[in-house]
Every structure is written in C-alpha cells, then in structure tokens.
Amino acid sequence: MKRCPNCGGKQFIVSAHVVQEWLVDDHGCFEQLIEDCIEIAHEPDDSDIWECNDCGHEAPGYEFNVKE
C-alpha cells in the first residue's frame, strides 16, 4: 500500500507506457489514434517517480510504501 509521507494522500500521478494502435501515412507518420491502449508495456513501479495528487510531493515510489 502507498501513502504520501507528506500529507497522507492515497492518490498519485504516475507515468505508464502503453501500446497504441495508430493509422499512419505512407511515411509512417501518425495521423489518427485507432486504439488508445492495446497493452500495458510498463506499469508504474517503485523506481518510477510518483506524485501525490493532493500535495504534489514527488519521489520514487518506494518512498510512499507503508506496511499494512
């Protein structure tokens, strides 16, 4: 479980890597989004930067870990 060490918040802003399906032109340049998430290539983990949605505190995910 994660909690913000600054304010106790329980919601976070994180980055994830997703695979999308695109329509491209004859040069391979993006034209239109067909499917916004076919697969998740990388879920947020403890080495990624997490930001508390309440107070904006930013740190690696492991700094938000608390024992249940």
Protein backbone atom coordinates (compact mmCIF):
# COMPACT_ATOMS: atom_id res chain seq x y z
CA MET A 1 0.00 0.00 0.00
CA LYS A 2 1.17 3.55 -0.66
CA ARG A 3 0.57 6.78 1.24
CA CYS A 4 2.14 10.19 0.81
CA PRO A 5 4.71 10.73 3.57
CA ASN A 6 3.97 14.45 3.39
CA CYS A 7 0.18 14.64 3.70
CA GLY A 8 -1.12 11.05 3.91
CA GLY A 9 -2.71 11.21 0.45
CA LYS A 10 -3.76 7.96 -1.25
CA GLN A 11 -3.96 9.03 -4.92
CA PHE A 12 -0.94 9.54 -7.14
CA ILE A 13 0.01 10.75 -10.59
CA VAL A 14 2.39 8.33 -12.32
CA SER A 15 3.62 7.52 -15.81
CA ALA A 16 2.82 4.29 -17.61
CA HIS A 17 3.86 3.04 -21.03
CA VAL A 18 1.04 1.76 -23.19
CA VAL A 19 0.91 0.31 -26.69
CA GLN A 20 -1.45 2.14 -29.02
CA GLU A 21 -2.74 1.33 -32.48
CA TRP A 22 -2.36 4.18 -34.96
CA LEU A 23 -3.36 5.00 -38.50
CA VAL A 24 -0.23 6.29 -40.26
CA ASP A 25 0.53 7.78 -43.64
CA ASP A 26 2.86 6.34 -46.27
CA HIS A 27 5.88 7.73 -44.33
CA GLY A 28 4.82 6.11 -41.05
CA CYS A 29 3.78 9.45 -39.52
CA PHE A 30 0.88 9.49 -37.08
CA GLU A 31 -2.50 10.54 -38.48
CA GLN A 32 -5.15 9.13 -36.14
CA LEU A 33 -5.46 7.11 -32.95
CA ILE A 34 -7.31 3.84 -33.59
CA GLU A 35 -6.99 2.12 -30.17
CA ASP A 36 -5.70 4.01 -27.12
CA CYS A 37 -4.48 1.01 -25.09
CA ILE A 38 -3.87 -2.38 -26.65
CA GLU A 39 -1.39 -3.47 -23.99
CA ILE A 40 0.42 -2.05 -20.97
CA ALA A 41 4.15 -2.22 -21.67
CA HIS A 42 5.27 -0.82 -18.29
CA GLU A 43 3.18 -0.26 -15.16
CA PRO A 44 4.37 2.25 -12.58
CA ASP A 45 6.77 0.68 -10.08
CA ASP A 46 8.85 1.70 -7.08
CA SER A 47 11.72 3.04 -9.19
CA ASP A 48 9.43 5.45 -11.09
CA ILE A 49 8.61 8.95 -9.81
CA TRP A 50 5.23 9.17 -8.08
CA GLU A 51 3.46 12.48 -7.38
CA CYS A 52 0.86 12.89 -4.65
CA ASN A 53 -2.36 14.14 -6.19
CA ASP A 54 -3.20 16.10 -3.02
CA CYS A 55 0.02 17.97 -2.15
CA GLY A 56 2.28 17.49 -5.19
CA HIS A 57 5.08 15.72 -3.27
CA GLU A 58 7.27 13.85 -5.78
CA ALA A 59 9.59 10.94 -5.02
CA PRO A 60 10.42 7.41 -6.15
CA GLY A 61 7.54 5.03 -5.47
CA TYR A 62 9.37 3.19 -2.70
CA GLU A 63 9.24 6.34 -0.54
CA PHE A 64 5.44 6.07 -0.48
CA ASN A 65 5.35 2.43 0.72
CA VAL A 66 3.71 1.72 4.08
CA LYS A 67 3.12 -1.58 5.83
CA GLU A 68 -0.50 -2.67 6.07
